[in-house]
Protein backbone atom coordinates (compact mmCIF):
# COMPACT_ATOMS: atom_id res chain seq x y z
CA MET A 1 -64.42 -4.91 -97.55
CA VAL A 2 -62.68 -8.40 -95.84
CA ASP A 3 -63.40 -9.87 -92.74
CA PRO A 4 -60.96 -8.51 -90.00
CA ALA A 5 -60.48 -11.87 -88.88
CA ILE A 6 -59.11 -13.27 -92.68
CA SER A 7 -57.18 -9.89 -92.79
CA LEU A 8 -55.06 -11.01 -89.54
CA SER A 9 -54.98 -14.60 -90.70
CA ILE A 10 -53.53 -13.65 -93.96
CA VAL A 11 -51.07 -10.78 -91.87
CA LYS A 12 -49.57 -14.39 -88.75
CA SER A 13 -49.06 -16.96 -92.24
CA GLU A 14 -47.10 -13.73 -93.56
CA LEU A 15 -45.03 -12.88 -91.65
CA ALA A 16 -44.51 -16.39 -89.99
CA ALA A 17 -42.39 -16.91 -93.61
CA CYS A 18 -40.39 -13.90 -93.87
CA GLU A 19 -38.91 -15.14 -90.36
CA GLU A 20 -36.14 -16.36 -90.79
CA GLY A 21 -35.24 -13.42 -93.19
CA ALA A 22 -36.48 -11.30 -89.93
CA LYS A 23 -33.81 -13.24 -87.28
CA ARG A 24 -31.16 -12.70 -90.73
CA TYR A 25 -31.94 -9.11 -90.86
CA GLY A 26 -32.24 -8.34 -87.33
CA TRP A 27 -35.11 -6.76 -87.81
CA ILE A 28 -37.84 -6.20 -84.23
CA VAL A 29 -41.37 -7.01 -85.63
CA SER A 30 -43.99 -5.91 -83.35
CA ASP A 31 -47.08 -8.04 -81.29
CA ILE A 32 -49.38 -7.29 -83.92
CA ASP A 33 -52.51 -4.61 -83.02
CA VAL A 34 -55.22 -7.22 -83.02
CA ALA A 35 -57.87 -4.17 -82.14
CA ASN A 36 -55.70 -1.71 -84.37
CA GLN A 37 -54.53 -3.76 -87.67
CA LEU A 38 -51.17 -3.26 -87.14
CA PHE A 39 -47.84 -3.81 -85.83
CA SER A 40 -44.06 -2.53 -86.99
CA VAL A 41 -41.22 -3.74 -87.46
CA ARG A 42 -38.30 -1.29 -86.67
CA MET A 43 -35.01 -2.11 -89.05
CA GLU A 44 -31.87 -0.61 -88.89
CA SER A 45 -29.54 0.65 -92.01
CA PRO A 46 -26.19 -1.46 -91.82
CA VAL A 47 -24.30 2.39 -93.50
CA ASP A 48 -25.07 4.28 -90.60
CA ARG A 49 -27.27 2.94 -88.10
CA GLU A 50 -30.15 4.47 -88.45
CA GLN A 51 -32.71 3.22 -86.62
CA TYR A 52 -36.36 2.98 -89.11
CA ILE A 53 -40.02 1.72 -88.00
CA LEU A 54 -42.24 1.17 -90.43
CA GLU A 55 -46.41 0.91 -89.47
CA LEU A 56 -47.70 -1.73 -91.11
CA LYS A 57 -51.55 -1.60 -91.24
CA PHE A 58 -53.30 -4.48 -92.73
CA ASP A 59 -57.20 -3.84 -92.34
CA ASN A 60 -58.98 -5.11 -95.78
CA TYR A 61 -55.83 -6.79 -96.27
CA LYS A 62 -55.63 -8.31 -98.95
CA GLU A 63 -57.76 -7.03 -101.32
CA TRP A 64 -56.44 -3.57 -100.34
CA PRO A 65 -52.25 -3.19 -100.02
CA LEU A 66 -51.17 -2.36 -96.73
CA TYR A 67 -50.86 1.40 -95.44
CA LEU A 68 -47.08 1.59 -94.96
CA GLU A 69 -45.64 4.78 -92.39
CA PHE A 70 -42.83 4.73 -90.95
CA VAL A 71 -42.72 6.31 -87.27
CA ASP A 72 -39.88 8.77 -85.91
CA PRO A 73 -38.05 6.03 -83.41
CA VAL A 74 -37.05 9.53 -81.69
CA THR A 75 -40.54 11.89 -81.55
CA LYS A 76 -43.12 9.29 -82.71
CA GLU A 77 -44.51 11.12 -85.14
CA ARG A 78 -45.55 9.86 -88.40
CA GLY A 79 -45.31 10.25 -91.92
CA THR A 80 -43.28 13.09 -91.29
CA LYS A 81 -40.08 13.21 -93.25
CA ASN A 82 -37.29 12.80 -90.85
CA ALA A 83 -39.06 9.77 -90.11
CA TYR A 84 -38.18 7.90 -93.54
CA PRO A 85 -35.66 6.68 -95.89
CA ARG A 86 -33.24 9.23 -98.87
CA ASN A 87 -32.90 7.03 -101.64
CA GLU A 88 -31.39 7.95 -105.27
CA GLY A 89 -29.90 7.07 -108.85
CA GLU A 90 -31.44 3.46 -109.10
CA ASN A 91 -34.96 3.21 -107.51
CA TRP A 92 -34.94 6.96 -105.58
CA SER A 93 -38.90 7.02 -106.40
CA PHE A 94 -39.75 4.69 -103.79
CA PHE A 95 -39.27 7.04 -100.35
CA HIS A 96 -41.02 9.21 -102.60
CA SER A 97 -40.53 12.26 -100.57
CA GLN A 98 -44.73 13.52 -100.08
CA PRO A 99 -43.83 11.07 -97.65
CA CYS A 100 -44.77 7.69 -98.97
CA ILE A 101 -43.43 4.27 -99.99
CA CYS A 102 -44.10 4.93 -103.61
CA SER A 103 -45.59 1.36 -104.56
CA PRO A 104 -48.74 0.27 -105.30
CA CYS A 105 -48.28 -2.16 -102.49
CA SER A 106 -48.34 1.14 -100.39
CA ARG A 107 -51.98 2.14 -99.64
CA LYS A 108 -50.82 5.12 -99.06
CA ALA A 109 -49.71 6.05 -102.38
CA TYR A 110 -52.91 5.64 -103.70
CA ALA A 111 -55.80 9.12 -104.63
CA GLY A 112 -57.53 9.94 -101.28
CA PHE A 113 -54.76 9.42 -99.23
CA SER A 114 -51.39 10.65 -99.71
CA ASP A 115 -52.45 11.48 -103.84
CA VAL A 116 -48.48 11.04 -105.11
CA HIS A 117 -50.58 8.95 -107.28
CA LYS A 118 -53.45 10.31 -108.07
CA ASP A 119 -54.25 8.18 -110.88
CA TRP A 120 -53.89 5.21 -108.99
CA THR A 121 -57.59 4.49 -107.76
CA ASN A 122 -58.64 1.45 -107.56
CA LEU A 123 -57.09 0.00 -104.86
CA GLN A 124 -58.51 -3.34 -105.26
CA GLY A 125 -56.24 -4.21 -108.38
CA TRP A 126 -52.97 -3.78 -106.50
CA GLN A 127 -51.83 -6.60 -107.12
CA GLN A 128 -52.21 -6.69 -110.73
CA HIS A 129 -50.54 -3.55 -111.35
CA GLU A 130 -47.85 -3.25 -113.28
CA LYS A 131 -45.52 -1.93 -110.92
CA THR A 132 -45.96 -4.14 -107.99
CA GLY A 133 -43.33 -6.53 -108.75
CA GLU A 134 -42.84 -9.25 -106.24
CA LEU A 135 -44.22 -6.88 -103.70
CA LYS A 136 -47.22 -8.59 -102.69
CA ASN A 137 -46.04 -9.47 -99.40
CA ILE A 138 -45.47 -8.58 -96.17
CA GLY A 139 -41.82 -10.49 -96.76
CA ALA A 140 -41.20 -9.07 -99.78
CA ILE A 141 -41.90 -5.51 -99.18
CA LEU A 142 -39.86 -5.69 -95.85
CA ARG A 143 -37.24 -6.62 -98.07
CA ALA A 144 -37.78 -4.59 -100.39
CA VAL A 145 -37.27 -1.37 -97.17
CA PHE A 146 -34.04 -3.25 -95.85
CA PHE A 147 -33.31 -3.53 -99.02
CA ARG A 148 -33.04 0.51 -100.40
CA ILE A 149 -31.77 1.14 -96.27
CA SER A 150 -28.76 -1.45 -96.87
CA SER A 151 -26.90 0.41 -99.60
CA ASP A 152 -24.31 2.14 -99.69
CA LYS A 153 -25.09 3.37 -102.89
CA THR A 154 -28.52 4.83 -103.29
CA TYR A 155 -29.00 4.94 -99.49
CA LYS A 156 -28.89 8.82 -98.83
CA GLY A 157 -29.81 8.59 -94.44
CA ARG A 158 -32.70 10.40 -94.25
CA MET A 159 -35.31 13.21 -95.53
CA LYS A 160 -34.25 15.87 -94.08
């Protein structure tokens, strides 16, 4: 297990590194809830002005991937289809209908969480997983979400 103070330090460093991008794209980053080891980022799709809130739980980070969960901006419910964006075409499975972010950077996609990938059992190896690609830090993950909700070709509004 990673000492919570170490996880917090890593998160603060990664958030500082993406601060300029957050300003450029209009993301609103919440204060860090140190006790629960989480924070959220509000983003707006430039396609349809829909608001998305992504909650990032960072316990045991970076040994484990972040627990990524969308929160409905109206009802505040976590993990409902209505909280998630929908995309089709290239990279269509990133926002999985389970619903979850289907990537090794998202703990929810692993066995024992949503079971989208029952064969993904090694949380500790997430950064070396062949499908992780560049999604190895908070800034890259947030950009991946934002670019997907910004594509007028593949973004299709909210899941229903």
